[in-house]
Amino acid sequence: MDTPDPFAERLAARRALLTPAGRRVAQFIDRNRATVLASSAIELASNIGTSDATIVRSVQALGFAGLSELKKALVASVGRSSTPADDMRRTLDDVGEDTARAVDLVLETHAEALEALRATATRARIVAAVSALHPADRVLVFGIGPSAALASYVSMLLERSGRHSKTLNATGIMMADQLLDLRSGDAVLALAYGRAYREVIAVFAEARRLALPIVLVTDLADSKLERAADVVLAAQRGRAERVALHGATLVGLEALILGLAAANRERAMTALQRLNALRRAVSGQQNDIG
């Protein structure tokens, strides 16, 4: 059984009382909860295209004393126990048996997430993440579960850009073996969603022990992880309590990687030229082992 969603309840009760600007703010909050949790009123105003005064008035019109109380309500809702089956059920309830509507929903959701990525505040965080990772000798990319595939892809792109990289993707006690390799000069790029779990807590603890910079990519600004990270990138995984969609996360990560390539063009081009030579060798175009 679903537990209450404080924000959704207040929105349903007060939607009719909101001004058009207030409804636009409320809709953005509802669909971009991770971004809201990681943003100030001024940053939200920039994302939505309004004033910070309108943000505050809209939040108060929904029955919250201010942005801080609103964020507490959002944390309570996004931190609720919800299984992939629950999220899929709610998503399919939205679209019914209309296949075209299902396709439209995915495209609309990605369009919203990409618009959030293009916001000034979010773009600034991506640039800050590039600055945090650029000096590192090696970038460790953490991701487990569904994020493990993304972490492996990101690590491969980093190598192609001339960056030394390694994936932290083990679960349970096997993570300890991977953490044993962390060393001074590394940086951590962590893909972690929902509440903090043992593996990500262990990664953050070891990174902090070694004084390594941490960039956190998340859809929920968990206070423990957010405080430990040097840069937090809020990446939406679709709409709240609906099926997870990773398109926006991938776009944000690819923007980060291209930013790193631009920060050291010579290294990136050297790595890709070497990759081309190795591809020719593997394809048989260059088979002289002389």
C-alpha atoms as a PDB file:
ATOM      1  CA  MET A   1       0.000   0.000   0.000  1.00  0.00           C
ATOM      2  CA  ASP A   2       1.296   3.464  -0.905  1.00  0.00           C
ATOM      3  CA  THR A   3       2.187   5.749   1.982  1.00  0.00           C
ATOM      4  CA  PRO A   4       1.179   9.437   1.926  1.00  0.00           C
ATOM      5  CA  ASP A   5       2.947  11.963  -0.292  1.00  0.00           C
ATOM      6  CA  PRO A   6       2.745  15.274   1.650  1.00  0.00           C
ATOM      7  CA  PHE A   7       3.520  17.452  -1.355  1.00  0.00           C
ATOM      8  CA  ALA A   8       1.061  15.675  -3.667  1.00  0.00           C
ATOM      9  CA  GLU A   9      -1.678  15.928  -1.048  1.00  0.00           C
ATOM     10  CA  ARG A  10      -1.253  19.688  -0.627  1.00  0.00           C
ATOM     11  CA  LEU A  11      -0.992  20.213  -4.361  1.00  0.00           C
ATOM     12  CA  ALA A  12      -4.238  18.318  -4.958  1.00  0.00           C
ATOM     13  CA  ALA A  13      -6.023  20.291  -2.243  1.00  0.00           C
ATOM     14  CA  ARG A  14      -4.798  23.742  -3.315  1.00  0.00           C
ATOM     15  CA  ARG A  15      -4.208  23.511  -7.073  1.00  0.00           C
ATOM     16  CA  ALA A  16      -7.385  25.448  -7.862  1.00  0.00           C
ATOM     17  CA  LEU A  17      -6.272  28.300  -5.595  1.00  0.00           C
ATOM     18  CA  LEU A  18      -2.944  28.816  -7.352  1.00  0.00           C
ATOM     19  CA  THR A  19      -2.275  31.561  -9.864  1.00  0.00           C
ATOM     20  CA  PRO A  20      -1.091  30.515 -13.360  1.00  0.00           C
ATOM     21  CA  ALA A  21       2.484  31.298 -12.267  1.00  0.00           C
ATOM     22  CA  GLY A  22       1.951  29.316  -9.074  1.00  0.00           C
ATOM     23  CA  ARG A  23       0.658  26.315 -11.024  1.00  0.00           C
ATOM     24  CA  ARG A  24       3.747  26.441 -13.246  1.00  0.00           C
ATOM     25  CA  VAL A  25       6.004  26.480 -10.186  1.00  0.00           C
ATOM     26  CA  ALA A  26       4.060  23.638  -8.551  1.00  0.00           C
ATOM     27  CA  GLN A  27       4.213  21.515 -11.698  1.00  0.00           C
ATOM     28  CA  PHE A  28       7.976  22.009 -11.933  1.00  0.00           C
ATOM     29  CA  ILE A  29       8.409  21.048  -8.272  1.00  0.00           C
ATOM     30  CA  ASP A  30       6.282  17.938  -8.696  1.00  0.00           C
ATOM     31  CA  ARG A  31       8.167  16.748 -11.782  1.00  0.00           C
ATOM     32  CA  ASN A  32      11.679  17.800 -10.738  1.00  0.00           C
ATOM     33  CA  ARG A  33      11.911  16.877  -7.060  1.00  0.00           C
ATOM     34  CA  ALA A  34      15.621  16.053  -7.125  1.00  0.00           C
ATOM     35  CA  THR A  35      16.423  19.426  -8.681  1.00  0.00           C
ATOM     36  CA  VAL A  36      14.296  21.212  -6.077  1.00  0.00           C
ATOM     37  CA  LEU A  37      16.025  19.429  -3.214  1.00  0.00           C
ATOM     38  CA  ALA A  38      19.421  20.577  -4.490  1.00  0.00           C
ATOM     39  CA  SER A  39      18.412  24.168  -5.372  1.00  0.00           C
ATOM     40  CA  SER A  40      17.929  27.531  -3.704  1.00  0.00           C
ATOM     41  CA  ALA A  41      14.961  29.792  -4.456  1.00  0.00           C
ATOM     42  CA  ILE A  42      17.139  31.838  -6.811  1.00  0.00           C
ATOM     43  CA  GLU A  43      18.303  28.711  -8.664  1.00  0.00           C
ATOM     44  CA  LEU A  44      14.714  27.454  -8.965  1.00  0.00           C
ATOM     45  CA  ALA A  45      13.636  30.829 -10.320  1.00  0.00           C
ATOM     46  CA  SER A  46      16.367  30.560 -12.965  1.00  0.00           C
ATOM     47  CA  ASN A  47      15.294  27.017 -13.850  1.00  0.00           C
ATOM     48  CA  ILE A  48      11.604  27.912 -14.190  1.00  0.00           C
ATOM     49  CA  GLY A  49      12.024  31.355 -15.712  1.00  0.00           C
ATOM     50  CA  THR A  50      10.424  33.412 -12.948  1.00  0.00           C
ATOM     51  CA  SER A  51      11.463  35.377  -9.857  1.00  0.00           C
ATOM     52  CA  ASP A  52      12.554  34.012  -6.500  1.00  0.00           C
ATOM     53  CA  ALA A  53       9.696  36.001  -4.932  1.00  0.00           C
ATOM     54  CA  THR A  54       7.240  34.016  -7.090  1.00  0.00           C
ATOM     55  CA  ILE A  55       8.872  30.787  -5.924  1.00  0.00           C
ATOM     56  CA  VAL A  56       8.404  31.751  -2.281  1.00  0.00           C
ATOM     57  CA  ARG A  57       4.791  32.915  -2.785  1.00  0.00           C
ATOM     58  CA  SER A  58       3.911  29.730  -4.658  1.00  0.00           C
ATOM     59  CA  VAL A  59       5.426  27.525  -1.964  1.00  0.00           C
ATOM     60  CA  GLN A  60       3.481  29.419   0.699  1.00  0.00           C
ATOM     61  CA  ALA A  61       0.279  29.176  -1.362  1.00  0.00           C
ATOM     62  CA  LEU A  62       0.698  25.404  -1.215  1.00  0.00           C
ATOM     63  CA  GLY A  63       0.621  25.612   2.572  1.00  0.00           C
ATOM     64  CA  PHE A  64       4.335  25.437   3.379  1.00  0.00           C
ATOM     65  CA  ALA A  65       6.024  28.002   5.593  1.00  0.00           C
ATOM     66  CA  GLY A  66       8.926  28.234   3.169  1.00  0.00           C
ATOM     67  CA  LEU A  67      11.299  26.347   0.898  1.00  0.00           C
ATOM     68  CA  SER A  68      12.897  24.504   3.824  1.00  0.00           C
ATOM     69  CA  GLU A  69       9.576  22.999   4.924  1.00  0.00           C
ATOM     70  CA  LEU A  70       8.744  22.110   1.328  1.00  0.00           C
ATOM     71  CA  LYS A  71      12.046  20.229   0.986  1.00  0.00           C
ATOM     72  CA  LYS A  72      11.308  18.248   4.144  1.00  0.00           C
ATOM     73  CA  ALA A  73       7.990  17.179   2.597  1.00  0.00           C
ATOM     74  CA  LEU A  74       9.733  16.186  -0.631  1.00  0.00           C
ATOM     75  CA  VAL A  75      12.328  14.136   1.248  1.00  0.00           C
ATOM     76  CA  ALA A  76       9.508  12.354   3.061  1.00  0.00           C
ATOM     77  CA  SER A  77       7.860  11.471  -0.239  1.00  0.00           C
ATOM     78  CA  VAL A  78      10.884  10.492  -2.337  1.00  0.00           C
ATOM     79  CA  GLY A  79      12.315   8.496   0.532  1.00  0.00           C
ATOM     80  CA  ARG A  80       9.258   6.265   0.739  1.00  0.00           C
ATOM     81  CA  SER A  81       9.545   2.591   0.029  1.00  0.00           C
ATOM     82  CA  SER A  82       8.699   2.094  -3.633  1.00  0.00           C
ATOM     83  CA  THR A  83       9.496  -0.892  -5.802  1.00  0.00           C
ATOM     84  CA  PRO A  84      10.058  -0.889  -9.575  1.00  0.00           C
ATOM     85  CA  ALA A  85       6.765  -2.760  -9.843  1.00  0.00           C
ATOM     86  CA  ASP A  86       4.967   0.039  -7.948  1.00  0.00           C
ATOM     87  CA  ASP A  87       6.496   2.654 -10.227  1.00  0.00           C
ATOM     88  CA  MET A  88       5.611   0.700 -13.369  1.00  0.00           C
ATOM     89  CA  ARG A  89       2.040   0.187 -12.139  1.00  0.00           C
ATOM     90  CA  ARG A  90       1.584   3.931 -11.567  1.00  0.00           C
ATOM     91  CA  THR A  91       3.114   4.705 -14.968  1.00  0.00           C
ATOM     92  CA  LEU A  92       0.857   2.243 -16.771  1.00  0.00           C
ATOM     93  CA  ASP A  93      -2.126   3.665 -14.884  1.00  0.00           C
ATOM     94  CA  ASP A  94      -1.202   7.043 -16.399  1.00  0.00           C
ATOM     95  CA  VAL A  95      -1.096   5.793 -19.990  1.00  0.00           C
ATOM     96  CA  GLY A  96      -3.719   3.048 -19.880  1.00  0.00           C
ATOM     97  CA  GLU A  97      -3.455   0.724 -22.879  1.00  0.00           C
ATOM     98  CA  ASP A  98      -2.558   3.528 -25.276  1.00  0.00           C
ATOM     99  CA  THR A  99       0.821   2.625 -26.803  1.00  0.00           C
ATOM    100  CA  ALA A 100       1.183   6.017 -28.470  1.00  0.00           C
ATOM    101  CA  ARG A 101       0.549   7.732 -25.143  1.00  0.00           C
ATOM    102  CA  ALA A 102       3.253   5.590 -23.546  1.00  0.00           C
ATOM    103  CA  VAL A 103       5.740   6.703 -26.212  1.00  0.00           C
ATOM    104  CA  ASP A 104       4.674  10.336 -25.791  1.00  0.00           C
ATOM    105  CA  LEU A 105       5.081  10.095 -22.019  1.00  0.00           C
ATOM    106  CA  VAL A 106       8.704   8.983 -22.360  1.00  0.00           C
ATOM    107  CA  LEU A 107       9.494  11.743 -24.864  1.00  0.00           C
ATOM    108  CA  GLU A 108       7.746  14.396 -22.759  1.00  0.00           C
ATOM    109  CA  THR A 109       9.525  13.269 -19.599  1.00  0.00           C
ATOM    110  CA  HIS A 110      12.931  13.385 -21.285  1.00  0.00           C
ATOM    111  CA  ALA A 111      12.167  16.810 -22.738  1.00  0.00           C
ATOM    112  CA  GLU A 112      11.394  18.106 -19.233  1.00  0.00           C
ATOM    113  CA  ALA A 113      14.568  16.562 -17.821  1.00  0.00           C
ATOM    114  CA  LEU A 114      16.725  17.988 -20.601  1.00  0.00           C
ATOM    115  CA  GLU A 115      15.231  21.431 -20.038  1.00  0.00           C
ATOM    116  CA  ALA A 116      16.230  21.142 -16.381  1.00  0.00           C
ATOM    117  CA  LEU A 117      19.776  20.202 -17.446  1.00  0.00           C
ATOM    118  CA  ARG A 118      19.943  23.307 -19.642  1.00  0.00           C
ATOM    119  CA  ALA A 119      19.085  25.586 -16.724  1.00  0.00           C
ATOM    120  CA  THR A 120      21.837  27.982 -15.705  1.00  0.00           C
ATOM    121  CA  ALA A 121      22.280  26.522 -12.228  1.00  0.00           C
ATOM    122  CA  THR A 122      22.538  22.918 -13.473  1.00  0.00           C
ATOM    123  CA  ARG A 123      24.975  23.799 -16.238  1.00  0.00           C
ATOM    124  CA  ALA A 124      27.099  25.613 -13.658  1.00  0.00           C
ATOM    125  CA  ARG A 125      27.224  22.419 -11.562  1.00  0.00           C
ATOM    126  CA  ILE A 126      28.386  20.394 -14.574  1.00  0.00           C
ATOM    127  CA  VAL A 127      31.186  22.919 -15.137  1.00  0.00           C
ATOM    128  CA  ALA A 128      32.054  22.700 -11.429  1.00  0.00           C
ATOM    129  CA  ALA A 129      32.174  18.904 -11.720  1.00  0.00           C
ATOM    130  CA  VAL A 130      34.622  19.192 -14.623  1.00  0.00           C
ATOM    131  CA  SER A 131      36.807  21.464 -12.489  1.00  0.00           C
ATOM    132  CA  ALA A 132      36.703  18.989  -9.588  1.00  0.00           C
ATOM    133  CA  LEU A 133      37.642  15.960 -11.726  1.00  0.00           C
ATOM    134  CA  HIS A 134      40.101  17.566 -14.166  1.00  0.00           C
ATOM    135  CA  PRO A 135      43.198  17.601 -11.887  1.00  0.00           C
ATOM    136  CA  ALA A 136      42.798  13.933 -10.910  1.00  0.00           C
ATOM    137  CA  ASP A 137      45.273  11.291 -12.047  1.00  0.00           C
ATOM    138  CA  ARG A 138      42.411   8.804 -12.282  1.00  0.00           C
ATOM    139  CA  VAL A 139      38.606   8.958 -12.081  1.00  0.00           C
ATOM    140  CA  LEU A 140      36.843   6.151 -10.188  1.00  0.00           C
ATOM    141  CA  VAL A 141      33.242   5.775 -11.393  1.00  0.00           C
ATOM    142  CA  PHE A 142      30.894   4.224  -8.820  1.00  0.00           C
ATOM    143  CA  GLY A 143      27.628   2.586  -9.816  1.00  0.00           C
ATOM    144  CA  ILE A 144      25.873  -0.615  -8.769  1.00  0.00           C
ATOM    145  CA  GLY A 145      22.622  -2.273  -9.801  1.00  0.00           C
ATOM    146  CA  PRO A 146      21.138  -0.636 -12.931  1.00  0.00           C
ATOM    147  CA  SER A 147      23.747   2.136 -12.634  1.00  0.00           C
ATOM    148  CA  ALA A 148      26.609  -0.336 -13.102  1.00  0.00           C
ATOM    149  CA  ALA A 149      26.120  -0.331 -16.871  1.00  0.00           C
ATOM    150  CA  LEU A 150      26.168   3.474 -16.927  1.00  0.00           C
ATOM    151  CA  ALA A 151      29.307   3.519 -14.781  1.00  0.00           C
ATOM    152  CA  SER A 152      31.090   1.128 -17.174  1.00  0.00           C
ATOM    153  CA  TYR A 153      30.067   3.238 -20.178  1.00  0.00           C
ATOM    154  CA  VAL A 154      31.284   6.441 -18.517  1.00  0.00           C
ATOM    155  CA  SER A 155      34.582   4.802 -17.555  1.00  0.00           C
ATOM    156  CA  MET A 156      35.110   3.701 -21.170  1.00  0.00           C
ATOM    157  CA  LEU A 157      34.439   7.218 -22.485  1.00  0.00           C
ATOM    158  CA  LEU A 158      36.852   8.662 -19.940  1.00  0.00           C
ATOM    159  CA  GLU A 159      39.578   6.292 -21.151  1.00  0.00           C
ATOM    160  CA  ARG A 160      38.879   7.329 -24.740  1.00  0.00           C
ATOM    161  CA  SER A 161      39.297  10.949 -23.628  1.00  0.00           C
ATOM    162  CA  GLY A 162      42.740  10.177 -22.282  1.00  0.00           C
ATOM    163  CA  ARG A 163      41.705   9.903 -18.637  1.00  0.00           C
ATOM    164  CA  HIS A 164      42.733   6.945 -16.500  1.00  0.00           C
ATOM    165  CA  SER A 165      39.560   5.420 -15.109  1.00  0.00           C
ATOM    166  CA  LYS A 166      38.243   2.442 -13.179  1.00  0.00           C
ATOM    167  CA  THR A 167      34.744   1.258 -12.315  1.00  0.00           C
ATOM    168  CA  LEU A 168      33.607   0.611  -8.747  1.00  0.00           C
ATOM    169  CA  ASN A 169      30.686  -1.743  -9.338  1.00  0.00           C
ATOM    170  CA  ALA A 170      30.928  -4.570  -6.797  1.00  0.00           C
ATOM    171  CA  THR A 171      28.302  -5.218  -4.125  1.00  0.00           C
ATOM    172  CA  GLY A 172      28.646  -6.472  -0.589  1.00  0.00           C
ATOM    173  CA  ILE A 173      32.084  -7.335   0.764  1.00  0.00           C
ATOM    174  CA  MET A 174      33.549  -7.523  -2.751  1.00  0.00           C
ATOM    175  CA  MET A 175      33.428  -3.723  -2.794  1.00  0.00           C
ATOM    176  CA  ALA A 176      36.232  -3.795  -0.199  1.00  0.00           C
ATOM    177  CA  ASP A 177      38.610  -5.322  -2.773  1.00  0.00           C
ATOM    178  CA  GLN A 178      37.864  -2.525  -5.224  1.00  0.00           C
ATOM    179  CA  LEU A 179      38.248   0.168  -2.555  1.00  0.00           C
ATOM    180  CA  LEU A 180      41.671  -1.231  -1.678  1.00  0.00           C
ATOM    181  CA  ASP A 181      42.960   0.268  -4.946  1.00  0.00           C
ATOM    182  CA  LEU A 182      41.948   3.865  -4.174  1.00  0.00           C
ATOM    183  CA  ARG A 183      44.930   6.168  -3.778  1.00  0.00           C
ATOM    184  CA  SER A 184      45.934   9.778  -3.471  1.00  0.00           C
ATOM    185  CA  GLY A 185      45.419  11.635  -6.749  1.00  0.00           C
ATOM    186  CA  ASP A 186      42.168   9.837  -7.590  1.00  0.00           C
ATOM    187  CA  ALA A 187      38.735  11.431  -7.852  1.00  0.00           C
ATOM    188  CA  VAL A 188      35.338   9.757  -7.441  1.00  0.00           C
ATOM    189  CA  LEU A 189      32.333  10.155  -9.743  1.00  0.00           C
ATOM    190  CA  ALA A 190      29.452   8.463  -7.923  1.00  0.00           C
ATOM    191  CA  LEU A 191      26.097   7.519  -9.470  1.00  0.00           C
ATOM    192  CA  ALA A 192      23.847   6.981  -6.455  1.00  0.00           C
ATOM    193  CA  TYR A 193      20.076   7.243  -6.208  1.00  0.00           C
ATOM    194  CA  GLY A 194      17.628   7.123  -3.337  1.00  0.00           C
ATOM    195  CA  ARG A 195      18.781   6.802   0.236  1.00  0.00           C
ATOM    196  CA  ALA A 196      22.413   6.105   1.132  1.00  0.00           C
ATOM    197  CA  TYR A 197      23.232   2.384   1.155  1.00  0.00           C
ATOM    198  CA  ARG A 198      26.234   0.516   2.515  1.00  0.00           C
ATOM    199  CA  GLU A 199      28.337   0.416  -0.640  1.00  0.00           C
ATOM    200  CA  VAL A 200      28.076   4.121  -1.433  1.00  0.00           C
ATOM    201  CA  ILE A 201      28.664   5.043   2.225  1.00  0.00           C
ATOM    202  CA  ALA A 202      31.840   2.939   2.178  1.00  0.00           C
ATOM    203  CA  VAL A 203      33.019   4.578  -1.063  1.00  0.00           C
ATOM    204  CA  PHE A 204      32.428   8.064   0.348  1.00  0.00           C
ATOM    205  CA  ALA A 205      34.150   7.195   3.630  1.00  0.00           C
ATOM    206  CA  GLU A 206      37.285   5.873   1.905  1.00  0.00           C
ATOM    207  CA  ALA A 207      37.355   8.798  -0.531  1.00  0.00           C
ATOM    208  CA  ARG A 208      37.113  11.253   2.349  1.00  0.00           C
ATOM    209  CA  ARG A 209      39.833   9.408   4.291  1.00  0.00           C
ATOM    210  CA  LEU A 210      42.134   9.902   1.305  1.00  0.00           C
ATOM    211  CA  ALA A 211      40.906  13.486   0.763  1.00  0.00           C
ATOM    212  CA  LEU A 212      39.690  12.683  -2.772  1.00  0.00           C
ATOM    213  CA  PRO A 213      37.264  15.016  -4.589  1.00  0.00           C
ATOM    214  CA  ILE A 214      33.762  13.546  -4.990  1.00  0.00           C
ATOM    215  CA  VAL A 215      31.172  14.375  -7.643  1.00  0.00           C
ATOM    216  CA  LEU A 216      27.743  12.921  -6.832  1.00  0.00           C
ATOM    217  CA  VAL A 217      25.136  12.331  -9.547  1.00  0.00           C
ATOM    218  CA  THR A 218      21.772  11.673  -7.910  1.00  0.00           C
ATOM    219  CA  ASP A 219      18.028  12.130  -8.098  1.00  0.00           C
ATOM    220  CA  LEU A 220      17.699  12.633  -4.336  1.00  0.00           C
ATOM    221  CA  ALA A 221      19.851  14.992  -2.312  1.00  0.00           C
ATOM    222  CA  ASP A 222      20.407  12.666   0.648  1.00  0.00           C
ATOM    223  CA  SER A 223      21.839  14.884   3.391  1.00  0.00           C
ATOM    224  CA  LYS A 224      24.655  12.470   4.292  1.00  0.00           C
ATOM    225  CA  LEU A 225      25.905  12.102   0.745  1.00  0.00           C
ATOM    226  CA  GLU A 226      25.310  15.711  -0.232  1.00  0.00           C
ATOM    227  CA  ARG A 227      27.396  16.992   2.674  1.00  0.00           C
ATOM    228  CA  ALA A 228      30.266  14.663   1.771  1.00  0.00           C
ATOM    229  CA  ALA A 229      30.299  15.502  -1.959  1.00  0.00           C
ATOM    230  CA  ASP A 230      32.209  18.416  -3.438  1.00  0.00           C
ATOM    231  CA  VAL A 231      29.729  18.798  -6.315  1.00  0.00           C
ATOM    232  CA  VAL A 232      26.153  17.469  -6.520  1.00  0.00           C
ATOM    233  CA  LEU A 233      24.487  17.052  -9.913  1.00  0.00           C
ATOM    234  CA  ALA A 234      20.730  16.515  -9.721  1.00  0.00           C
ATOM    235  CA  ALA A 235      19.762  14.241 -12.620  1.00  0.00           C
ATOM    236  CA  GLN A 236      16.124  13.315 -13.018  1.00  0.00           C
ATOM    237  CA  ARG A 237      15.263   9.689 -13.617  1.00  0.00           C
ATOM    238  CA  GLY A 238      11.816  10.437 -14.949  1.00  0.00           C
ATOM    239  CA  ARG A 239       8.867  11.755 -12.992  1.00  0.00           C
ATOM    240  CA  ALA A 240       8.427  11.124  -9.296  1.00  0.00           C
ATOM    241  CA  GLU A 241       7.233   7.606  -8.455  1.00  0.00           C
ATOM    242  CA  ARG A 242       7.062   6.604 -12.096  1.00  0.00           C
ATOM    243  CA  VAL A 243       9.228   4.180 -14.070  1.00  0.00           C
ATOM    244  CA  ALA A 244      12.912   5.174 -14.028  1.00  0.00           C
ATOM    245  CA  LEU A 245      14.271   6.735 -17.230  1.00  0.00           C
ATOM    246  CA  HIS A 246      18.025   7.288 -17.459  1.00  0.00           C
ATOM    247  CA  GLY A 247      18.252   9.417 -20.603  1.00  0.00           C
ATOM    248  CA  ALA A 248      18.845  12.734 -18.817  1.00  0.00           C
ATOM    249  CA  THR A 249      21.455  11.167 -16.542  1.00  0.00           C
ATOM    250  CA  LEU A 250      23.329   9.915 -19.602  1.00  0.00           C
ATOM    251  CA  VAL A 251      23.163  13.320 -21.297  1.00  0.00           C
ATOM    252  CA  GLY A 252      24.521  15.014 -18.177  1.00  0.00           C
ATOM    253  CA  LEU A 253      27.363  12.507 -17.924  1.00  0.00           C
ATOM    254  CA  GLU A 254      28.264  12.860 -21.599  1.00  0.00           C
ATOM    255  CA  ALA A 255      28.320  16.648 -21.178  1.00  0.00           C
ATOM    256  CA  LEU A 256      30.684  16.185 -18.231  1.00  0.00           C
ATOM    257  CA  ILE A 257      32.973  13.888 -20.233  1.00  0.00           C
ATOM    258  CA  LEU A 258      33.129  16.237 -23.224  1.00  0.00           C
ATOM    259  CA  GLY A 259      33.906  19.056 -20.807  1.00  0.00           C
ATOM    260  CA  LEU A 260      36.843  17.039 -19.496  1.00  0.00           C
ATOM    261  CA  ALA A 261      38.014  16.389 -23.066  1.00  0.00           C
ATOM    262  CA  ALA A 262      37.871  20.109 -23.792  1.00  0.00           C
ATOM    263  CA  ALA A 263      39.877  20.782 -20.628  1.00  0.00           C
ATOM    264  CA  ASN A 264      42.774  18.763 -22.091  1.00  0.00           C
ATOM    265  CA  ARG A 265      42.287  18.580 -25.844  1.00  0.00           C
ATOM    266  CA  GLU A 266      45.785  17.227 -26.557  1.00  0.00           C
ATOM    267  CA  ARG A 267      45.364  14.278 -24.193  1.00  0.00           C
ATOM    268  CA  ALA A 268      41.938  13.445 -25.629  1.00  0.00           C
ATOM    269  CA  MET A 269      43.138  13.547 -29.241  1.00  0.00           C
ATOM    270  CA  THR A 270      46.220  11.458 -28.457  1.00  0.00           C
ATOM    271  CA  ALA A 271      44.066   8.766 -26.830  1.00  0.00           C
ATOM    272  CA  LEU A 272      41.604   8.666 -29.724  1.00  0.00           C
ATOM    273  CA  GLN A 273      44.383   8.500 -32.321  1.00  0.00           C
ATOM    274  CA  ARG A 274      45.845   5.554 -30.406  1.00  0.00           C
ATOM    275  CA  LEU A 275      42.390   3.967 -30.317  1.00  0.00           C
ATOM    276  CA  ASN A 276      42.140   4.288 -34.098  1.00  0.00           C
ATOM    277  CA  ALA A 277      45.540   2.606 -34.515  1.00  0.00           C
ATOM    278  CA  LEU A 278      44.499  -0.245 -32.229  1.00  0.00           C
ATOM    279  CA  ARG A 279      41.239  -0.674 -34.142  1.00  0.00           C
ATOM    280  CA  ARG A 280      43.171  -1.023 -37.387  1.00  0.00           C
ATOM    281  CA  ALA A 281      45.377  -3.640 -35.753  1.00  0.00           C
ATOM    282  CA  VAL A 282      42.418  -5.598 -34.418  1.00  0.00           C
ATOM    283  CA  SER A 283      40.593  -5.471 -37.763  1.00  0.00           C
ATOM    284  CA  GLY A 284      43.598  -6.954 -39.572  1.00  0.00           C
ATOM    285  CA  GLN A 285      44.533  -3.822 -41.495  1.00  0.00           C
ATOM    286  CA  GLN A 286      47.812  -3.774 -39.604  1.00  0.00           C
ATOM    287  CA  ASN A 287      49.100  -7.288 -38.949  1.00  0.00           C
ATOM    288  CA  ASP A 288      52.859  -6.820 -39.017  1.00  0.00           C
ATOM    289  CA  ILE A 289      54.139  -7.880 -35.567  1.00  0.00           C
ATOM    290  CA  GLY A 290      57.738  -7.171 -36.741  1.00  0.00           C
END
